[in-house]
Amino acid sequence: MKAYVPDDHDYKTKSQIGRIFCVSSYLGLIGWFTLWHLFLMPAPTANPWVIWLIHLAPLLAFAHVIYTGKPRGHAWLCFVLLLLFIQAVLAASNPNTWLYGIGYTLLCSTLFISAMMYTRWKARYNKQLAHWESQAETTESKAEPTVNE
């Protein structure tokens, strides 16, 4: 692991903003799937609830990660979002589902970027905290008087 190089960035605020964008785009993507597959364009030849659940399954697998805010899980979410992004671009290129595809692409892109930046900023904030704690321990050990008998 590389040594921490102190800087003056406010990673706490940045990670909080990234988390807000991540949670909102995650919920937006779930809402977009629900709106499209159950209300706007339900599948006429199949059960729309099954189609909706199939589209939602990869996202629901990360619900606990989004809820707890674990940075490593957000990084894994980015890998899964790449597959969803491919599906979104294909839907956007189809004349029948272009509106669905555009919204899907925008929400996937926003979720990918916010999850990636949250992971980065949260990791840097954790390094900052560890650095500050080690600095505090160092100053405490220097401040304690030694007793010579």
N, C-alpha and C. Protein backbone atom coordinates (compact mmCIF):
# COMPACT_ATOMS: atom_id res chain seq x y z
N MET A 1 0.84 -1.17 0.00
CA MET A 1 0.00 0.00 0.00
C MET A 1 0.89 1.24 0.00
N LYS A 2 0.48 2.22 -0.80
CA LYS A 2 1.26 3.44 -0.86
C LYS A 2 1.10 4.24 0.42
N ALA A 3 2.15 4.97 0.74
CA ALA A 3 2.08 5.84 1.91
C ALA A 3 1.12 6.99 1.63
N TYR A 4 0.47 7.43 2.68
CA TYR A 4 -0.51 8.51 2.52
C TYR A 4 0.22 9.84 2.39
N VAL A 5 -0.15 10.60 1.39
CA VAL A 5 0.39 11.94 1.20
C VAL A 5 -0.68 12.92 1.63
N PRO A 6 -0.44 13.66 2.72
CA PRO A 6 -1.48 14.58 3.21
C PRO A 6 -1.85 15.63 2.16
N ASP A 7 -3.12 15.92 2.07
CA ASP A 7 -3.61 16.99 1.21
C ASP A 7 -4.73 17.73 1.93
N ASP A 8 -5.21 18.78 1.31
CA ASP A 8 -6.20 19.63 1.98
C ASP A 8 -7.59 19.49 1.37
N HIS A 9 -7.87 18.38 0.71
CA HIS A 9 -9.19 18.18 0.13
C HIS A 9 -10.19 17.74 1.20
N ASP A 10 -11.43 18.15 0.99
CA ASP A 10 -12.50 17.80 1.92
C ASP A 10 -13.20 16.54 1.39
N TYR A 11 -12.57 15.38 1.63
CA TYR A 11 -13.11 14.13 1.11
C TYR A 11 -14.38 13.71 1.82
N LYS A 12 -14.60 14.18 3.02
CA LYS A 12 -15.83 13.83 3.72
C LYS A 12 -17.04 14.40 2.99
N THR A 13 -16.98 15.67 2.65
CA THR A 13 -18.08 16.32 1.94
C THR A 13 -18.23 15.73 0.54
N LYS A 14 -17.11 15.49 -0.13
CA LYS A 14 -17.17 14.92 -1.47
C LYS A 14 -17.82 13.53 -1.44
N SER A 15 -17.45 12.71 -0.47
CA SER A 15 -18.03 11.37 -0.41
C SER A 15 -19.52 11.43 -0.05
N GLN A 16 -19.91 12.40 0.76
CA GLN A 16 -21.33 12.55 1.08
C GLN A 16 -22.13 12.96 -0.15
N ILE A 17 -21.58 13.86 -0.95
CA ILE A 17 -22.25 14.28 -2.18
C ILE A 17 -22.33 13.11 -3.17
N GLY A 18 -21.23 12.36 -3.29
CA GLY A 18 -21.23 11.18 -4.15
C GLY A 18 -22.26 10.16 -3.72
N ARG A 19 -22.40 9.99 -2.41
CA ARG A 19 -23.38 9.04 -1.89
C ARG A 19 -24.80 9.49 -2.18
N ILE A 20 -25.07 10.78 -2.06
CA ILE A 20 -26.40 11.31 -2.35
C ILE A 20 -26.76 11.06 -3.82
N PHE A 21 -25.81 11.35 -4.72
CA PHE A 21 -26.06 11.10 -6.14
C PHE A 21 -26.22 9.62 -6.42
N CYS A 22 -25.43 8.80 -5.75
CA CYS A 22 -25.48 7.35 -5.97
C CYS A 22 -26.83 6.78 -5.53
N VAL A 23 -27.27 7.13 -4.35
CA VAL A 23 -28.55 6.61 -3.84
C VAL A 23 -29.71 7.13 -4.69
N SER A 24 -29.67 8.39 -5.05
CA SER A 24 -30.78 8.94 -5.84
C SER A 24 -30.83 8.34 -7.24
N SER A 25 -29.69 8.13 -7.88
CA SER A 25 -29.72 7.52 -9.21
C SER A 25 -30.06 6.03 -9.13
N TYR A 26 -29.68 5.37 -8.04
CA TYR A 26 -30.06 3.97 -7.83
C TYR A 26 -31.58 3.85 -7.70
N LEU A 27 -32.16 4.70 -6.87
CA LEU A 27 -33.62 4.69 -6.72
C LEU A 27 -34.31 5.14 -8.00
N GLY A 28 -33.70 6.09 -8.71
CA GLY A 28 -34.25 6.53 -9.98
C GLY A 28 -34.27 5.42 -11.02
N LEU A 29 -33.21 4.62 -11.04
CA LEU A 29 -33.16 3.51 -11.99
C LEU A 29 -34.19 2.44 -11.65
N ILE A 30 -34.37 2.17 -10.38
CA ILE A 30 -35.42 1.23 -9.97
C ILE A 30 -36.80 1.78 -10.34
N GLY A 31 -37.00 3.07 -10.11
CA GLY A 31 -38.26 3.71 -10.48
C GLY A 31 -38.49 3.71 -11.99
N TRP A 32 -37.42 3.91 -12.76
CA TRP A 32 -37.52 3.90 -14.21
C TRP A 32 -37.93 2.53 -14.72
N PHE A 33 -37.30 1.47 -14.16
CA PHE A 33 -37.69 0.11 -14.53
C PHE A 33 -39.15 -0.15 -14.19
N THR A 34 -39.55 0.26 -13.01
CA THR A 34 -40.92 0.03 -12.57
C THR A 34 -41.91 0.78 -13.45
N LEU A 35 -41.64 2.02 -13.70
CA LEU A 35 -42.53 2.83 -14.53
C LEU A 35 -42.65 2.25 -15.94
N TRP A 36 -41.52 1.89 -16.53
CA TRP A 36 -41.55 1.44 -17.91
C TRP A 36 -42.16 0.05 -18.05
N HIS A 37 -41.68 -0.90 -17.25
CA HIS A 37 -42.08 -2.30 -17.46
C HIS A 37 -43.44 -2.65 -16.88
N LEU A 38 -43.91 -1.87 -15.93
CA LEU A 38 -45.22 -2.19 -15.34
C LEU A 38 -46.34 -1.28 -15.79
N PHE A 39 -46.02 -0.04 -16.18
CA PHE A 39 -47.09 0.91 -16.48
C PHE A 39 -47.07 1.43 -17.92
N LEU A 40 -45.92 1.89 -18.39
CA LEU A 40 -45.88 2.51 -19.72
C LEU A 40 -45.89 1.49 -20.85
N MET A 41 -45.03 0.48 -20.77
CA MET A 41 -44.92 -0.50 -21.84
C MET A 41 -44.83 -1.92 -21.28
N PRO A 42 -45.88 -2.41 -20.64
CA PRO A 42 -45.82 -3.80 -20.13
C PRO A 42 -45.77 -4.79 -21.30
N ALA A 43 -45.07 -5.87 -21.07
CA ALA A 43 -44.94 -6.90 -22.12
C ALA A 43 -46.30 -7.55 -22.38
N PRO A 44 -46.79 -7.50 -23.62
CA PRO A 44 -48.12 -8.04 -23.90
C PRO A 44 -48.17 -9.57 -23.92
N THR A 45 -47.04 -10.20 -24.22
CA THR A 45 -47.04 -11.67 -24.36
C THR A 45 -46.50 -12.38 -23.13
N ALA A 46 -46.04 -11.65 -22.14
CA ALA A 46 -45.47 -12.28 -20.95
C ALA A 46 -45.97 -11.55 -19.72
N ASN A 47 -45.68 -12.11 -18.58
CA ASN A 47 -46.06 -11.48 -17.32
C ASN A 47 -45.12 -10.29 -17.07
N PRO A 48 -45.62 -9.06 -17.02
CA PRO A 48 -44.74 -7.90 -16.85
C PRO A 48 -43.98 -7.91 -15.53
N TRP A 49 -44.53 -8.56 -14.52
CA TRP A 49 -43.84 -8.62 -13.22
C TRP A 49 -42.57 -9.45 -13.32
N VAL A 50 -42.60 -10.49 -14.11
CA VAL A 50 -41.41 -11.34 -14.29
C VAL A 50 -40.34 -10.57 -15.06
N ILE A 51 -40.75 -9.89 -16.13
CA ILE A 51 -39.81 -9.08 -16.91
C ILE A 51 -39.20 -7.99 -16.03
N TRP A 52 -40.02 -7.35 -15.24
CA TRP A 52 -39.56 -6.30 -14.33
C TRP A 52 -38.55 -6.86 -13.32
N LEU A 53 -38.85 -8.01 -12.76
CA LEU A 53 -37.96 -8.62 -11.77
C LEU A 53 -36.63 -9.05 -12.39
N ILE A 54 -36.67 -9.55 -13.61
CA ILE A 54 -35.44 -9.94 -14.30
C ILE A 54 -34.55 -8.72 -14.53
N HIS A 55 -35.14 -7.61 -14.93
CA HIS A 55 -34.35 -6.39 -15.13
C HIS A 55 -33.85 -5.82 -13.81
N LEU A 56 -34.60 -6.03 -12.77
CA LEU A 56 -34.26 -5.44 -11.48
C LEU A 56 -33.30 -6.29 -10.65
N ALA A 57 -33.19 -7.58 -10.96
CA ALA A 57 -32.39 -8.50 -10.14
C ALA A 57 -30.93 -8.06 -9.95
N PRO A 58 -30.22 -7.63 -11.00
CA PRO A 58 -28.84 -7.21 -10.77
C PRO A 58 -28.73 -6.00 -9.83
N LEU A 59 -29.70 -5.11 -9.90
CA LEU A 59 -29.67 -3.95 -9.02
C LEU A 59 -30.05 -4.31 -7.58
N LEU A 60 -31.03 -5.17 -7.44
CA LEU A 60 -31.46 -5.56 -6.10
C LEU A 60 -30.39 -6.33 -5.35
N ALA A 61 -29.48 -6.96 -6.08
CA ALA A 61 -28.37 -7.66 -5.44
C ALA A 61 -27.47 -6.69 -4.68
N PHE A 62 -27.49 -5.43 -5.06
CA PHE A 62 -26.64 -4.43 -4.41
C PHE A 62 -27.41 -3.50 -3.48
N ALA A 63 -28.63 -3.86 -3.14
CA ALA A 63 -29.43 -3.01 -2.25
C ALA A 63 -28.78 -2.86 -0.88
N HIS A 64 -28.24 -3.94 -0.35
CA HIS A 64 -27.59 -3.88 0.96
C HIS A 64 -26.33 -3.00 0.91
N VAL A 65 -25.61 -3.08 -0.18
CA VAL A 65 -24.40 -2.26 -0.35
C VAL A 65 -24.77 -0.78 -0.40
N ILE A 66 -25.80 -0.46 -1.16
CA ILE A 66 -26.24 0.95 -1.25
C ILE A 66 -26.73 1.43 0.10
N TYR A 67 -27.44 0.57 0.82
CA TYR A 67 -27.97 0.96 2.13
C TYR A 67 -26.86 1.20 3.14
N THR A 68 -25.87 0.32 3.17
CA THR A 68 -24.80 0.45 4.17
C THR A 68 -23.70 1.41 3.74
N GLY A 69 -23.53 1.64 2.46
CA GLY A 69 -22.54 2.59 1.99
C GLY A 69 -21.13 2.04 1.95
N LYS A 70 -20.97 0.75 1.71
CA LYS A 70 -19.64 0.15 1.67
C LYS A 70 -18.96 0.48 0.34
N PRO A 71 -17.77 1.08 0.39
CA PRO A 71 -17.11 1.48 -0.86
C PRO A 71 -16.75 0.31 -1.78
N ARG A 72 -16.33 -0.81 -1.23
CA ARG A 72 -15.96 -1.94 -2.08
C ARG A 72 -17.17 -2.47 -2.85
N GLY A 73 -18.33 -2.49 -2.23
CA GLY A 73 -19.54 -2.92 -2.91
C GLY A 73 -19.94 -1.96 -4.02
N HIS A 74 -19.69 -0.67 -3.81
CA HIS A 74 -19.98 0.30 -4.86
C HIS A 74 -19.06 0.07 -6.06
N ALA A 75 -17.82 -0.33 -5.80
CA ALA A 75 -16.91 -0.64 -6.91
C ALA A 75 -17.42 -1.84 -7.70
N TRP A 76 -17.93 -2.85 -7.01
CA TRP A 76 -18.50 -4.02 -7.70
C TRP A 76 -19.78 -3.64 -8.46
N LEU A 77 -20.52 -2.73 -7.91
CA LEU A 77 -21.71 -2.25 -8.61
C LEU A 77 -21.33 -1.63 -9.95
N CYS A 78 -20.21 -0.94 -9.99
CA CYS A 78 -19.75 -0.35 -11.26
C CYS A 78 -19.51 -1.41 -12.32
N PHE A 79 -18.97 -2.56 -11.94
CA PHE A 79 -18.75 -3.64 -12.91
C PHE A 79 -20.08 -4.15 -13.46
N VAL A 80 -21.06 -4.32 -12.60
CA VAL A 80 -22.37 -4.80 -13.05
C VAL A 80 -23.05 -3.74 -13.92
N LEU A 81 -22.85 -2.48 -13.59
CA LEU A 81 -23.48 -1.41 -14.37
C LEU A 81 -22.96 -1.35 -15.80
N LEU A 82 -21.76 -1.84 -16.03
CA LEU A 82 -21.26 -1.87 -17.40
C LEU A 82 -22.13 -2.77 -18.28
N LEU A 83 -22.57 -3.88 -17.72
CA LEU A 83 -23.47 -4.77 -18.47
C LEU A 83 -24.83 -4.12 -18.70
N LEU A 84 -25.33 -3.45 -17.68
CA LEU A 84 -26.61 -2.76 -17.83
C LEU A 84 -26.50 -1.61 -18.83
N PHE A 85 -25.34 -0.96 -18.87
CA PHE A 85 -25.13 0.14 -19.81
C PHE A 85 -25.19 -0.36 -21.25
N ILE A 86 -24.63 -1.54 -21.50
CA ILE A 86 -24.70 -2.11 -22.84
C ILE A 86 -26.16 -2.33 -23.24
N GLN A 87 -26.94 -2.88 -22.33
CA GLN A 87 -28.36 -3.10 -22.60
C GLN A 87 -29.08 -1.77 -22.83
N ALA A 88 -28.69 -0.74 -22.09
CA ALA A 88 -29.33 0.58 -22.22
C ALA A 88 -29.03 1.19 -23.58
N VAL A 89 -27.79 1.07 -24.04
CA VAL A 89 -27.43 1.63 -25.34
C VAL A 89 -28.15 0.88 -26.46
N LEU A 90 -28.27 -0.43 -26.32
CA LEU A 90 -29.02 -1.20 -27.32
C LEU A 90 -30.49 -0.79 -27.35
N ALA A 91 -31.06 -0.53 -26.18
CA ALA A 91 -32.46 -0.08 -26.14
C ALA A 91 -32.59 1.31 -26.73
N ALA A 92 -31.59 2.16 -26.55
CA ALA A 92 -31.64 3.51 -27.11
C ALA A 92 -31.50 3.50 -28.63
N SER A 93 -30.84 2.49 -29.18
CA SER A 93 -30.66 2.44 -30.62
C SER A 93 -31.86 1.81 -31.35
N ASN A 94 -32.80 1.27 -30.61
CA ASN A 94 -34.01 0.70 -31.20
C ASN A 94 -35.07 1.79 -31.32
N PRO A 95 -35.65 2.00 -32.48
CA PRO A 95 -36.65 3.06 -32.64
C PRO A 95 -37.89 2.88 -31.76
N ASN A 96 -38.21 1.66 -31.40
CA ASN A 96 -39.40 1.42 -30.57
C ASN A 96 -39.17 1.73 -29.09
N THR A 97 -37.93 1.65 -28.64
CA THR A 97 -37.63 1.85 -27.21
C THR A 97 -36.59 2.93 -27.00
N TRP A 98 -36.49 3.88 -27.91
CA TRP A 98 -35.43 4.89 -27.78
C TRP A 98 -35.61 5.76 -26.54
N LEU A 99 -36.83 6.09 -26.18
CA LEU A 99 -37.06 6.92 -25.01
C LEU A 99 -36.64 6.18 -23.73
N TYR A 100 -37.04 4.92 -23.64
CA TYR A 100 -36.65 4.08 -22.52
C TYR A 100 -35.12 3.96 -22.47
N GLY A 101 -34.50 3.76 -23.62
CA GLY A 101 -33.05 3.60 -23.69
C GLY A 101 -32.29 4.85 -23.29
N ILE A 102 -32.79 6.01 -23.68
CA ILE A 102 -32.11 7.26 -23.32
C ILE A 102 -32.16 7.47 -21.80
N GLY A 103 -33.34 7.29 -21.21
CA GLY A 103 -33.45 7.42 -19.76
C GLY A 103 -32.62 6.40 -19.02
N TYR A 104 -32.64 5.17 -19.52
CA TYR A 104 -31.86 4.08 -18.95
C TYR A 104 -30.37 4.38 -19.03
N THR A 105 -29.92 4.88 -20.17
CA THR A 105 -28.50 5.21 -20.35
C THR A 105 -28.08 6.34 -19.42
N LEU A 106 -28.89 7.36 -19.31
CA LEU A 106 -28.55 8.48 -18.43
C LEU A 106 -28.49 8.05 -16.96
N LEU A 107 -29.45 7.26 -16.54
CA LEU A 107 -29.46 6.80 -15.15
C LEU A 107 -28.30 5.84 -14.87
N CYS A 108 -27.99 4.95 -15.80
CA CYS A 108 -26.85 4.04 -15.63
C CYS A 108 -25.54 4.82 -15.56
N SER A 109 -25.40 5.81 -16.43
CA SER A 109 -24.18 6.61 -16.44
C SER A 109 -24.02 7.39 -15.14
N THR A 110 -25.11 7.99 -14.68
CA THR A 110 -25.06 8.75 -13.43
C THR A 110 -24.74 7.85 -12.25
N LEU A 111 -25.35 6.69 -12.22
CA LEU A 111 -25.07 5.75 -11.13
C LEU A 111 -23.64 5.24 -11.19
N PHE A 112 -23.14 4.96 -12.37
CA PHE A 112 -21.76 4.49 -12.51
C PHE A 112 -20.77 5.55 -12.03
N ILE A 113 -20.94 6.76 -12.50
CA ILE A 113 -20.00 7.83 -12.14
C ILE A 113 -20.08 8.14 -10.64
N SER A 114 -21.28 8.23 -10.11
CA SER A 114 -21.40 8.56 -8.69
C SER A 114 -20.90 7.42 -7.80
N ALA A 115 -21.12 6.17 -8.18
CA ALA A 115 -20.61 5.05 -7.39
C ALA A 115 -19.09 4.99 -7.45
N MET A 116 -18.54 5.26 -8.63
CA MET A 116 -17.09 5.26 -8.78
C MET A 116 -16.45 6.38 -7.96
N MET A 117 -17.01 7.57 -8.03
CA MET A 117 -16.44 8.69 -7.30
C MET A 117 -16.65 8.54 -5.79
N TYR A 118 -17.79 7.98 -5.39
CA TYR A 118 -18.00 7.71 -3.96
C TYR A 118 -16.95 6.74 -3.44
N THR A 119 -16.67 5.69 -4.21
CA THR A 119 -15.65 4.72 -3.81
C THR A 119 -14.30 5.40 -3.65
N ARG A 120 -13.94 6.20 -4.60
CA ARG A 120 -12.64 6.88 -4.58
C ARG A 120 -12.54 7.85 -3.40
N TRP A 121 -13.55 8.70 -3.25
CA TRP A 121 -13.49 9.71 -2.19
C TRP A 121 -13.61 9.11 -0.80
N LYS A 122 -14.41 8.07 -0.65
CA LYS A 122 -14.55 7.43 0.65
C LYS A 122 -13.25 6.73 1.05
N ALA A 123 -12.57 6.10 0.10
CA ALA A 123 -11.28 5.47 0.39
C ALA A 123 -10.24 6.52 0.80
N ARG A 124 -10.24 7.64 0.12
CA ARG A 124 -9.30 8.71 0.49
C ARG A 124 -9.65 9.32 1.83
N TYR A 125 -10.93 9.44 2.12
CA TYR A 125 -11.33 9.96 3.43
C TYR A 125 -10.92 9.01 4.54
N ASN A 126 -11.07 7.70 4.31
CA ASN A 126 -10.63 6.72 5.31
C ASN A 126 -9.13 6.80 5.53
N LYS A 127 -8.35 7.03 4.46
CA LYS A 127 -6.90 7.20 4.62
C LYS A 127 -6.59 8.47 5.39
N GLN A 128 -7.35 9.52 5.12
CA GLN A 128 -7.15 10.77 5.87
C GLN A 128 -7.41 10.55 7.35
N LEU A 129 -8.49 9.86 7.67
CA LEU A 129 -8.80 9.60 9.08
C LEU A 129 -7.70 8.79 9.75
N ALA A 130 -7.20 7.78 9.07
CA ALA A 130 -6.12 6.97 9.64
C ALA A 130 -4.87 7.81 9.84
N HIS A 131 -4.59 8.71 8.90
CA HIS A 131 -3.42 9.58 9.03
C HIS A 131 -3.59 10.54 10.21
N TRP A 132 -4.78 11.11 10.33
CA TRP A 132 -5.01 12.04 11.43
C TRP A 132 -4.92 11.33 12.78
N GLU A 133 -5.42 10.10 12.85
CA GLU A 133 -5.33 9.35 14.10
C GLU A 133 -3.88 9.02 14.45
N SER A 134 -3.09 8.67 13.45
CA SER A 134 -1.68 8.38 13.73
C SER A 134 -0.94 9.65 14.13
N GLN A 135 -1.31 10.78 13.56
CA GLN A 135 -0.70 12.06 13.96
C GLN A 135 -1.07 12.40 15.39
N ALA A 136 -2.33 12.16 15.76
CA ALA A 136 -2.77 12.44 17.12
C ALA A 136 -2.06 11.53 18.12
N GLU A 137 -1.86 10.27 17.77
CA GLU A 137 -1.15 9.36 18.66
C GLU A 137 0.31 9.77 18.82
N THR A 138 0.91 10.25 17.75
CA THR A 138 2.30 10.67 17.80
C THR A 138 2.47 11.89 18.69
N THR A 139 1.54 12.85 18.57
CA THR A 139 1.65 14.05 19.41
C THR A 139 1.35 13.73 20.86
N GLU A 140 0.46 12.78 21.12
CA GLU A 140 0.17 12.40 22.50
C GLU A 140 1.37 11.72 23.14
N SER A 141 2.05 10.86 22.39
CA SER A 141 3.21 10.16 22.96
C SER A 141 4.36 11.12 23.22
N LYS A 142 4.48 12.17 22.42
CA LYS A 142 5.54 13.16 22.65
C LYS A 142 5.17 14.07 23.82
N ALA A 143 3.90 14.29 24.05
CA ALA A 143 3.47 15.21 25.11
C ALA A 143 3.53 14.57 26.49
N GLU A 144 3.52 13.25 26.57
CA GLU A 144 3.54 12.58 27.87
C GLU A 144 4.94 12.72 28.49
N PRO A 145 4.99 13.20 29.72
CA PRO A 145 6.31 13.31 30.37
C PRO A 145 6.83 11.95 30.78
N THR A 146 8.10 11.79 30.67
CA THR A 146 8.72 10.54 31.10
C THR A 146 9.23 10.71 32.53
N VAL A 147 9.06 9.69 33.32
CA VAL A 147 9.46 9.75 34.72
C VAL A 147 10.77 8.97 34.87
N ASN A 148 11.79 9.66 35.36
CA ASN A 148 13.07 9.01 35.59
C ASN A 148 13.23 8.78 37.07
N GLU A 149 13.51 7.58 37.46
CA GLU A 149 13.65 7.29 38.88
C GLU A 149 15.09 7.09 39.22
